[in-house]
Amino acid sequence: MPFKKVNISTLISERLDTDAELKEMWNNSRMEYAILGELIKIRKGQGLSQSELAEKSGNKQQVISRIENKENSPTLKTVCSLLNALDYEIQLVPRHRV
């Protein structure tokens, strides 16, 4: 039996349109992934290895690796320690709603 070709983007989009709970979880995860992506970009932009960031932030290299590989959701305390070590801070701004 041959495999059925599926467009995953279309499938996800259809589910998001009909499942409010899934849509909320999806949107929350997108924000988390965006923040983690920015942390990685900042670390690399500063020329720091995971080990160097770990040492500066008081974390273990394995913790940084798990966060960057999205194997683990960091606590707010951990995110703040990483941002502090990178010389960044969090600012909360209103979301633009369409």
PDB file of N, CA and C in Angstrom:
ATOM      1  N   MET A   1       0.845  -1.179   0.000  1.00  0.00           N
ATOM      2  CA  MET A   1       0.000   0.000   0.000  1.00  0.00           C
ATOM      3  C   MET A   1       0.889   1.240   0.000  1.00  0.00           C
ATOM      4  N   PRO A   2       0.736   2.148  -0.950  1.00  0.00           N
ATOM      5  CA  PRO A   2       1.564   3.351  -1.027  1.00  0.00           C
ATOM      6  C   PRO A   2       1.163   4.369   0.048  1.00  0.00           C
ATOM      7  N   PHE A   3       2.119   5.202   0.391  1.00  0.00           N
ATOM      8  CA  PHE A   3       1.864   6.255   1.357  1.00  0.00           C
ATOM      9  C   PHE A   3       1.029   7.352   0.723  1.00  0.00           C
ATOM     10  N   LYS A   4       0.175   7.946   1.526  1.00  0.00           N
ATOM     11  CA  LYS A   4      -0.635   9.069   1.065  1.00  0.00           C
ATOM     12  C   LYS A   4       0.173  10.347   1.281  1.00  0.00           C
ATOM     13  N   LYS A   5       0.267  11.184   0.254  1.00  0.00           N
ATOM     14  CA  LYS A   5       0.994  12.441   0.351  1.00  0.00           C
ATOM     15  C   LYS A   5       0.157  13.427   1.163  1.00  0.00           C
ATOM     16  N   VAL A   6       0.808  14.040   2.168  1.00  0.00           N
ATOM     17  CA  VAL A   6       0.103  14.960   3.054  1.00  0.00           C
ATOM     18  C   VAL A   6       0.858  16.283   3.109  1.00  0.00           C
ATOM     19  N   ASN A   7       0.127  17.380   3.008  1.00  0.00           N
ATOM     20  CA  ASN A   7       0.717  18.703   3.177  1.00  0.00           C
ATOM     21  C   ASN A   7       0.529  19.072   4.648  1.00  0.00           C
ATOM     22  N   ILE A   8       1.591  18.948   5.423  1.00  0.00           N
ATOM     23  CA  ILE A   8       1.497  19.146   6.865  1.00  0.00           C
ATOM     24  C   ILE A   8       1.088  20.567   7.224  1.00  0.00           C
ATOM     25  N   SER A   9       1.538  21.561   6.455  1.00  0.00           N
ATOM     26  CA  SER A   9       1.172  22.959   6.737  1.00  0.00           C
ATOM     27  C   SER A   9      -0.332  23.160   6.602  1.00  0.00           C
ATOM     28  N   THR A  10      -0.915  22.581   5.559  1.00  0.00           N
ATOM     29  CA  THR A  10      -2.357  22.691   5.356  1.00  0.00           C
ATOM     30  C   THR A  10      -3.110  21.966   6.461  1.00  0.00           C
ATOM     31  N   LEU A  11      -2.637  20.794   6.827  1.00  0.00           N
ATOM     32  CA  LEU A  11      -3.276  20.015   7.883  1.00  0.00           C
ATOM     33  C   LEU A  11      -3.259  20.767   9.206  1.00  0.00           C
ATOM     34  N   ILE A  12      -2.124  21.335   9.559  1.00  0.00           N
ATOM     35  CA  ILE A  12      -2.019  22.106  10.803  1.00  0.00           C
ATOM     36  C   ILE A  12      -2.929  23.326  10.745  1.00  0.00           C
ATOM     37  N   SER A  13      -2.907  24.030   9.630  1.00  0.00           N
ATOM     38  CA  SER A  13      -3.737  25.222   9.470  1.00  0.00           C
ATOM     39  C   SER A  13      -5.223  24.903   9.652  1.00  0.00           C
ATOM     40  N   GLU A  14      -5.663  23.796   9.062  1.00  0.00           N
ATOM     41  CA  GLU A  14      -7.068  23.390   9.188  1.00  0.00           C
ATOM     42  C   GLU A  14      -7.419  23.076  10.642  1.00  0.00           C
ATOM     43  N   ARG A  15      -6.524  22.367  11.325  1.00  0.00           N
ATOM     44  CA  ARG A  15      -6.775  22.029  12.736  1.00  0.00           C
ATOM     45  C   ARG A  15      -6.799  23.273  13.616  1.00  0.00           C
ATOM     46  N   LEU A  16      -5.904  24.219  13.330  1.00  0.00           N
ATOM     47  CA  LEU A  16      -5.857  25.451  14.117  1.00  0.00           C
ATOM     48  C   LEU A  16      -7.128  26.268  13.944  1.00  0.00           C
ATOM     49  N   ASP A  17      -7.716  26.188  12.760  1.00  0.00           N
ATOM     50  CA  ASP A  17      -8.966  26.919  12.499  1.00  0.00           C
ATOM     51  C   ASP A  17     -10.153  26.327  13.242  1.00  0.00           C
ATOM     52  N   THR A  18     -10.095  25.054  13.580  1.00  0.00           N
ATOM     53  CA  THR A  18     -11.255  24.398  14.192  1.00  0.00           C
ATOM     54  C   THR A  18     -11.064  24.015  15.659  1.00  0.00           C
ATOM     55  N   ASP A  19      -9.857  24.116  16.181  1.00  0.00           N
ATOM     56  CA  ASP A  19      -9.584  23.681  17.551  1.00  0.00           C
ATOM     57  C   ASP A  19      -8.947  24.824  18.347  1.00  0.00           C
ATOM     58  N   ALA A  20      -9.767  25.529  19.123  1.00  0.00           N
ATOM     59  CA  ALA A  20      -9.302  26.706  19.865  1.00  0.00           C
ATOM     60  C   ALA A  20      -8.214  26.359  20.874  1.00  0.00           C
ATOM     61  N   GLU A  21      -8.345  25.212  21.533  1.00  0.00           N
ATOM     62  CA  GLU A  21      -7.343  24.806  22.522  1.00  0.00           C
ATOM     63  C   GLU A  21      -5.991  24.540  21.849  1.00  0.00           C
ATOM     64  N   LEU A  22      -6.015  23.835  20.729  1.00  0.00           N
ATOM     65  CA  LEU A  22      -4.785  23.579  19.979  1.00  0.00           C
ATOM     66  C   LEU A  22      -4.179  24.893  19.497  1.00  0.00           C
ATOM     67  N   LYS A  23      -5.022  25.817  19.034  1.00  0.00           N
ATOM     68  CA  LYS A  23      -4.536  27.106  18.545  1.00  0.00           C
ATOM     69  C   LYS A  23      -3.819  27.872  19.652  1.00  0.00           C
ATOM     70  N   GLU A  24      -4.370  27.872  20.850  1.00  0.00           N
ATOM     71  CA  GLU A  24      -3.732  28.564  21.972  1.00  0.00           C
ATOM     72  C   GLU A  24      -2.393  27.912  22.316  1.00  0.00           C
ATOM     73  N   MET A  25      -2.359  26.590  22.385  1.00  0.00           N
ATOM     74  CA  MET A  25      -1.109  25.889  22.684  1.00  0.00           C
ATOM     75  C   MET A  25      -0.078  26.146  21.582  1.00  0.00           C
ATOM     76  N   TRP A  26      -0.506  26.132  20.335  1.00  0.00           N
ATOM     77  CA  TRP A  26       0.388  26.369  19.201  1.00  0.00           C
ATOM     78  C   TRP A  26       0.997  27.770  19.285  1.00  0.00           C
ATOM     79  N   ASN A  27       0.140  28.768  19.545  1.00  0.00           N
ATOM     80  CA  ASN A  27       0.622  30.144  19.633  1.00  0.00           C
ATOM     81  C   ASN A  27       1.600  30.320  20.796  1.00  0.00           C
ATOM     82  N   ASN A  28       1.320  29.689  21.925  1.00  0.00           N
ATOM     83  CA  ASN A  28       2.228  29.776  23.066  1.00  0.00           C
ATOM     84  C   ASN A  28       3.573  29.137  22.742  1.00  0.00           C
ATOM     85  N   SER A  29       3.564  28.019  22.048  1.00  0.00           N
ATOM     86  CA  SER A  29       4.829  27.361  21.714  1.00  0.00           C
ATOM     87  C   SER A  29       5.606  28.170  20.686  1.00  0.00           C
ATOM     88  N   ARG A  30       4.931  28.845  19.780  1.00  0.00           N
ATOM     89  CA  ARG A  30       5.608  29.677  18.783  1.00  0.00           C
ATOM     90  C   ARG A  30       6.386  30.798  19.477  1.00  0.00           C
ATOM     91  N   MET A  31       5.777  31.399  20.497  1.00  0.00           N
ATOM     92  CA  MET A  31       6.447  32.471  21.221  1.00  0.00           C
ATOM     93  C   MET A  31       7.678  31.926  21.953  1.00  0.00           C
ATOM     94  N   GLU A  32       7.529  30.773  22.580  1.00  0.00           N
ATOM     95  CA  GLU A  32       8.658  30.155  23.285  1.00  0.00           C
ATOM     96  C   GLU A  32       9.793  29.845  22.313  1.00  0.00           C
ATOM     97  N   TYR A  33       9.470  29.260  21.166  1.00  0.00           N
ATOM     98  CA  TYR A  33      10.495  28.937  20.178  1.00  0.00           C
ATOM     99  C   TYR A  33      11.177  30.200  19.647  1.00  0.00           C
ATOM    100  N   ALA A  34      10.416  31.262  19.473  1.00  0.00           N
ATOM    101  CA  ALA A  34      10.990  32.517  18.991  1.00  0.00           C
ATOM    102  C   ALA A  34      11.989  33.079  20.005  1.00  0.00           C
ATOM    103  N   ILE A  35      11.640  33.038  21.280  1.00  0.00           N
ATOM    104  CA  ILE A  35      12.538  33.526  22.329  1.00  0.00           C
ATOM    105  C   ILE A  35      13.800  32.683  22.384  1.00  0.00           C
ATOM    106  N   LEU A  36      13.640  31.370  22.339  1.00  0.00           N
ATOM    107  CA  LEU A  36      14.815  30.491  22.364  1.00  0.00           C
ATOM    108  C   LEU A  36      15.687  30.708  21.138  1.00  0.00           C
ATOM    109  N   GLY A  37      15.067  30.930  19.996  1.00  0.00           N
ATOM    110  CA  GLY A  37      15.822  31.209  18.779  1.00  0.00           C
ATOM    111  C   GLY A  37      16.636  32.487  18.911  1.00  0.00           C
ATOM    112  N   GLU A  38      16.052  33.498  19.534  1.00  0.00           N
ATOM    113  CA  GLU A  38      16.772  34.760  19.745  1.00  0.00           C
ATOM    114  C   GLU A  38      17.943  34.561  20.701  1.00  0.00           C
ATOM    115  N   LEU A  39      17.743  33.773  21.749  1.00  0.00           N
ATOM    116  CA  LEU A  39      18.844  33.495  22.680  1.00  0.00           C
ATOM    117  C   LEU A  39      20.020  32.833  21.961  1.00  0.00           C
ATOM    118  N   ILE A  40      19.721  31.869  21.105  1.00  0.00           N
ATOM    119  CA  ILE A  40      20.772  31.183  20.349  1.00  0.00           C
ATOM    120  C   ILE A  40      21.490  32.181  19.440  1.00  0.00           C
ATOM    121  N   LYS A  41      20.717  33.010  18.746  1.00  0.00           N
ATOM    122  CA  LYS A  41      21.303  33.988  17.827  1.00  0.00           C
ATOM    123  C   LYS A  41      22.210  34.972  18.582  1.00  0.00           C
ATOM    124  N   ILE A  42      21.772  35.420  19.744  1.00  0.00           N
ATOM    125  CA  ILE A  42      22.575  36.352  20.542  1.00  0.00           C
ATOM    126  C   ILE A  42      23.862  35.681  21.006  1.00  0.00           C
ATOM    127  N   ARG A  43      23.736  34.448  21.519  1.00  0.00           N
ATOM    128  CA  ARG A  43      24.932  33.725  21.996  1.00  0.00           C
ATOM    129  C   ARG A  43      25.954  33.582  20.878  1.00  0.00           C
ATOM    130  N   LYS A  44      25.489  33.122  19.730  1.00  0.00           N
ATOM    131  CA  LYS A  44      26.398  32.928  18.593  1.00  0.00           C
ATOM    132  C   LYS A  44      26.945  34.254  18.089  1.00  0.00           C
ATOM    133  N   GLY A  45      26.111  35.289  18.098  1.00  0.00           N
ATOM    134  CA  GLY A  45      26.547  36.611  17.654  1.00  0.00           C
ATOM    135  C   GLY A  45      27.648  37.184  18.536  1.00  0.00           C
ATOM    136  N   GLN A  46      27.641  36.797  19.798  1.00  0.00           N
ATOM    137  CA  GLN A  46      28.680  37.238  20.721  1.00  0.00           C
ATOM    138  C   GLN A  46      29.896  36.310  20.695  1.00  0.00           C
ATOM    139  N   GLY A  47      29.817  35.279  19.856  1.00  0.00           N
ATOM    140  CA  GLY A  47      30.946  34.354  19.725  1.00  0.00           C
ATOM    141  C   GLY A  47      31.156  33.466  20.934  1.00  0.00           C
ATOM    142  N   LEU A  48      30.081  33.229  21.688  1.00  0.00           N
ATOM    143  CA  LEU A  48      30.178  32.390  22.886  1.00  0.00           C
ATOM    144  C   LEU A  48      29.797  30.951  22.578  1.00  0.00           C
ATOM    145  N   SER A  49      30.514  30.022  23.150  1.00  0.00           N
ATOM    146  CA  SER A  49      30.118  28.613  23.078  1.00  0.00           C
ATOM    147  C   SER A  49      29.059  28.365  24.151  1.00  0.00           C
ATOM    148  N   GLN A  50      28.406  27.240  24.059  1.00  0.00           N
ATOM    149  CA  GLN A  50      27.458  26.869  25.110  1.00  0.00           C
ATOM    150  C   GLN A  50      28.162  26.779  26.459  1.00  0.00           C
ATOM    151  N   SER A  51      29.363  26.247  26.469  1.00  0.00           N
ATOM    152  CA  SER A  51      30.131  26.113  27.716  1.00  0.00           C
ATOM    153  C   SER A  51      30.453  27.472  28.319  1.00  0.00           C
ATOM    154  N   GLU A  52      30.827  28.413  27.463  1.00  0.00           N
ATOM    155  CA  GLU A  52      31.141  29.759  27.958  1.00  0.00           C
ATOM    156  C   GLU A  52      29.903  30.449  28.518  1.00  0.00           C
ATOM    157  N   LEU A  53      28.771  30.309  27.832  1.00  0.00           N
ATOM    158  CA  LEU A  53      27.530  30.888  28.337  1.00  0.00           C
ATOM    159  C   LEU A  53      27.131  30.218  29.648  1.00  0.00           C
ATOM    160  N   ALA A  54      27.299  28.922  29.719  1.00  0.00           N
ATOM    161  CA  ALA A  54      26.974  28.196  30.948  1.00  0.00           C
ATOM    162  C   ALA A  54      27.794  28.736  32.123  1.00  0.00           C
ATOM    163  N   GLU A  55      29.070  28.911  31.897  1.00  0.00           N
ATOM    164  CA  GLU A  55      29.946  29.405  32.963  1.00  0.00           C
ATOM    165  C   GLU A  55      29.545  30.824  33.388  1.00  0.00           C
ATOM    166  N   LYS A  56      29.272  31.685  32.414  1.00  0.00           N
ATOM    167  CA  LYS A  56      28.890  33.071  32.711  1.00  0.00           C
ATOM    168  C   LYS A  56      27.548  33.162  33.430  1.00  0.00           C
ATOM    169  N   SER A  57      26.644  32.219  33.141  1.00  0.00           N
ATOM    170  CA  SER A  57      25.281  32.294  33.678  1.00  0.00           C
ATOM    171  C   SER A  57      25.071  31.440  34.921  1.00  0.00           C
ATOM    172  N   GLY A  58      26.074  30.628  35.269  1.00  0.00           N
ATOM    173  CA  GLY A  58      25.922  29.759  36.437  1.00  0.00           C
ATOM    174  C   GLY A  58      25.119  28.508  36.155  1.00  0.00           C
ATOM    175  N   ASN A  59      25.029  28.135  34.904  1.00  0.00           N
ATOM    176  CA  ASN A  59      24.327  26.909  34.513  1.00  0.00           C
ATOM    177  C   ASN A  59      25.344  25.894  34.012  1.00  0.00           C
ATOM    178  N   LYS A  60      24.864  24.693  33.733  1.00  0.00           N
ATOM    179  CA  LYS A  60      25.716  23.668  33.136  1.00  0.00           C
ATOM    180  C   LYS A  60      25.550  23.714  31.620  1.00  0.00           C
ATOM    181  N   GLN A  61      26.585  23.297  30.900  1.00  0.00           N
ATOM    182  CA  GLN A  61      26.537  23.279  29.446  1.00  0.00           C
ATOM    183  C   GLN A  61      25.395  22.407  28.961  1.00  0.00           C
ATOM    184  N   GLN A  62      25.145  21.301  29.653  1.00  0.00           N
ATOM    185  CA  GLN A  62      24.069  20.390  29.246  1.00  0.00           C
ATOM    186  C   GLN A  62      22.703  21.083  29.320  1.00  0.00           C
ATOM    187  N   VAL A  63      22.537  21.974  30.288  1.00  0.00           N
ATOM    188  CA  VAL A  63      21.283  22.723  30.421  1.00  0.00           C
ATOM    189  C   VAL A  63      21.096  23.618  29.199  1.00  0.00           C
ATOM    190  N   ILE A  64      22.170  24.312  28.809  1.00  0.00           N
ATOM    191  CA  ILE A  64      22.111  25.192  27.632  1.00  0.00           C
ATOM    192  C   ILE A  64      21.783  24.366  26.386  1.00  0.00           C
ATOM    193  N   SER A  65      22.435  23.230  26.239  1.00  0.00           N
ATOM    194  CA  SER A  65      22.197  22.368  25.084  1.00  0.00           C
ATOM    195  C   SER A  65      20.742  21.908  25.026  1.00  0.00           C
ATOM    196  N   ARG A  66      20.205  21.463  26.144  1.00  0.00           N
ATOM    197  CA  ARG A  66      18.813  20.976  26.176  1.00  0.00           C
ATOM    198  C   ARG A  66      17.831  22.093  25.850  1.00  0.00           C
ATOM    199  N   ILE A  67      18.123  23.292  26.334  1.00  0.00           N
ATOM    200  CA  ILE A  67      17.261  24.438  26.029  1.00  0.00           C
ATOM    201  C   ILE A  67      17.320  24.744  24.540  1.00  0.00           C
ATOM    202  N   GLU A  68      18.531  24.827  23.997  1.00  0.00           N
ATOM    203  CA  GLU A  68      18.694  25.181  22.586  1.00  0.00           C
ATOM    204  C   GLU A  68      18.141  24.118  21.652  1.00  0.00           C
ATOM    205  N   ASN A  69      18.139  22.874  22.071  1.00  0.00           N
ATOM    206  CA  ASN A  69      17.583  21.791  21.254  1.00  0.00           C
ATOM    207  C   ASN A  69      16.103  21.565  21.515  1.00  0.00           C
ATOM    208  N   LYS A  70      15.532  22.446  22.325  1.00  0.00           N
ATOM    209  CA  LYS A  70      14.098  22.409  22.663  1.00  0.00           C
ATOM    210  C   LYS A  70      13.686  21.081  23.286  1.00  0.00           C
ATOM    211  N   GLU A  71      14.612  20.482  24.041  1.00  0.00           N
ATOM    212  CA  GLU A  71      14.325  19.241  24.754  1.00  0.00           C
ATOM    213  C   GLU A  71      13.755  19.543  26.135  1.00  0.00           C
ATOM    214  N   ASN A  72      13.813  20.808  26.504  1.00  0.00           N
ATOM    215  CA  ASN A  72      13.529  21.187  27.869  1.00  0.00           C
ATOM    216  C   ASN A  72      13.066  22.645  27.861  1.00  0.00           C
ATOM    217  N   SER A  73      12.009  22.970  28.586  1.00  0.00           N
ATOM    218  CA  SER A  73      11.560  24.359  28.699  1.00  0.00           C
ATOM    219  C   SER A  73      12.212  24.987  29.920  1.00  0.00           C
ATOM    220  N   PRO A  74      12.976  26.050  29.724  1.00  0.00           N
ATOM    221  CA  PRO A  74      13.655  26.666  30.860  1.00  0.00           C
ATOM    222  C   PRO A  74      12.687  27.419  31.761  1.00  0.00           C
ATOM    223  N   THR A  75      13.062  27.527  33.021  1.00  0.00           N
ATOM    224  CA  THR A  75      12.279  28.345  33.945  1.00  0.00           C
ATOM    225  C   THR A  75      12.569  29.806  33.639  1.00  0.00           C
ATOM    226  N   LEU A  76      11.740  30.682  34.153  1.00  0.00           N
ATOM    227  CA  LEU A  76      11.973  32.110  33.992  1.00  0.00           C
ATOM    228  C   LEU A  76      13.301  32.498  34.637  1.00  0.00           C
ATOM    229  N   LYS A  77      13.614  31.895  35.768  1.00  0.00           N
ATOM    230  CA  LYS A  77      14.882  32.167  36.447  1.00  0.00           C
ATOM    231  C   LYS A  77      16.067  31.825  35.537  1.00  0.00           C
ATOM    232  N   THR A  78      15.998  30.700  34.857  1.00  0.00           N
ATOM    233  CA  THR A  78      17.076  30.290  33.954  1.00  0.00           C
ATOM    234  C   THR A  78      17.178  31.239  32.771  1.00  0.00           C
ATOM    235  N   VAL A  79      16.047  31.603  32.177  1.00  0.00           N
ATOM    236  CA  VAL A  79      16.055  32.539  31.049  1.00  0.00           C
ATOM    237  C   VAL A  79      16.689  33.859  31.484  1.00  0.00           C
ATOM    238  N   CYS A  80      16.311  34.342  32.667  1.00  0.00           N
ATOM    239  CA  CYS A  80      16.871  35.602  33.162  1.00  0.00           C
ATOM    240  C   CYS A  80      18.379  35.489  33.388  1.00  0.00           C
ATOM    241  N   SER A  81      18.852  34.353  33.898  1.00  0.00           N
ATOM    242  CA  SER A  81      20.291  34.190  34.111  1.00  0.00           C
ATOM    243  C   SER A  81      21.041  34.186  32.784  1.00  0.00           C
ATOM    244  N   LEU A  82      20.444  33.595  31.763  1.00  0.00           N
ATOM    245  CA  LEU A  82      21.071  33.580  30.439  1.00  0.00           C
ATOM    246  C   LEU A  82      21.095  34.989  29.839  1.00  0.00           C
ATOM    247  N   LEU A  83      19.980  35.679  29.923  1.00  0.00           N
ATOM    248  CA  LEU A  83      19.918  37.034  29.391  1.00  0.00           C
ATOM    249  C   LEU A  83      20.893  37.950  30.116  1.00  0.00           C
ATOM    250  N   ASN A  84      20.973  37.817  31.427  1.00  0.00           N
ATOM    251  CA  ASN A  84      21.902  38.629  32.209  1.00  0.00           C
ATOM    252  C   ASN A  84      23.342  38.367  31.764  1.00  0.00           C
ATOM    253  N   ALA A  85      23.682  37.107  31.566  1.00  0.00           N
ATOM    254  CA  ALA A  85      25.033  36.739  31.136  1.00  0.00           C
ATOM    255  C   ALA A  85      25.341  37.286  29.742  1.00  0.00           C
ATOM    256  N   LEU A  86      24.313  37.419  28.914  1.00  0.00           N
ATOM    257  CA  LEU A  86      24.479  37.947  27.552  1.00  0.00           C
ATOM    258  C   LEU A  86      24.354  39.472  27.512  1.00  0.00           C
ATOM    259  N   ASP A  87      24.090  40.082  28.671  1.00  0.00           N
ATOM    260  CA  ASP A  87      23.907  41.523  28.805  1.00  0.00           C
ATOM    261  C   ASP A  87      22.655  42.005  28.068  1.00  0.00           C
ATOM    262  N   TYR A  88      21.570  41.244  28.229  1.00  0.00           N
ATOM    263  CA  TYR A  88      20.264  41.596  27.677  1.00  0.00           C
ATOM    264  C   TYR A  88      19.248  41.605  28.812  1.00  0.00           C
ATOM    265  N   GLU A  89      18.094  42.207  28.557  1.00  0.00           N
ATOM    266  CA  GLU A  89      17.014  42.210  29.529  1.00  0.00           C
ATOM    267  C   GLU A  89      15.687  41.976  28.817  1.00  0.00           C
ATOM    268  N   ILE A  90      14.693  41.597  29.594  1.00  0.00           N
ATOM    269  CA  ILE A  90      13.348  41.375  29.059  1.00  0.00           C
ATOM    270  C   ILE A  90      12.556  42.669  29.178  1.00  0.00           C
ATOM    271  N   GLN A  91      11.830  42.992  28.134  1.00  0.00           N
ATOM    272  CA  GLN A  91      10.897  44.106  28.174  1.00  0.00           C
ATOM    273  C   GLN A  91       9.546  43.596  27.713  1.00  0.00           C
ATOM    274  N   LEU A  92       8.517  43.894  28.456  1.00  0.00           N
ATOM    275  CA  LEU A  92       7.173  43.483  28.089  1.00  0.00           C
ATOM    276  C   LEU A  92       6.486  44.629  27.356  1.00  0.00           C
ATOM    277  N   VAL A  93       5.956  44.300  26.201  1.00  0.00           N
ATOM    278  CA  VAL A  93       5.260  45.301  25.397  1.00  0.00           C
ATOM    279  C   VAL A  93       3.912  44.731  24.980  1.00  0.00           C
ATOM    280  N   PRO A  94       2.940  45.605  24.787  1.00  0.00           N
ATOM    281  CA  PRO A  94       1.616  45.104  24.363  1.00  0.00           C
ATOM    282  C   PRO A  94       1.711  44.417  23.005  1.00  0.00           C
ATOM    283  N   ARG A  95       0.947  43.367  22.867  1.00  0.00           N
ATOM    284  CA  ARG A  95       0.901  42.630  21.610  1.00  0.00           C
ATOM    285  C   ARG A  95       0.021  43.399  20.627  1.00  0.00           C
ATOM    286  N   HIS A  96       0.442  43.432  19.391  1.00  0.00           N
ATOM    287  CA  HIS A  96      -0.376  44.080  18.347  1.00  0.00           C
ATOM    288  C   HIS A  96      -1.387  43.057  17.852  1.00  0.00           C
ATOM    289  N   ARG A  97      -2.621  43.346  18.050  1.00  0.00           N
ATOM    290  CA  ARG A  97      -3.690  42.448  17.606  1.00  0.00           C
ATOM    291  C   ARG A  97      -4.312  42.990  16.337  1.00  0.00           C
ATOM    292  N   VAL A  98      -4.636  42.081  15.451  1.00  0.00           N
ATOM    293  CA  VAL A  98      -5.231  42.449  14.176  1.00  0.00           C
ATOM    294  C   VAL A  98      -6.720  42.239  14.235  1.00  0.00           C
TER     295      VAL A  98
END
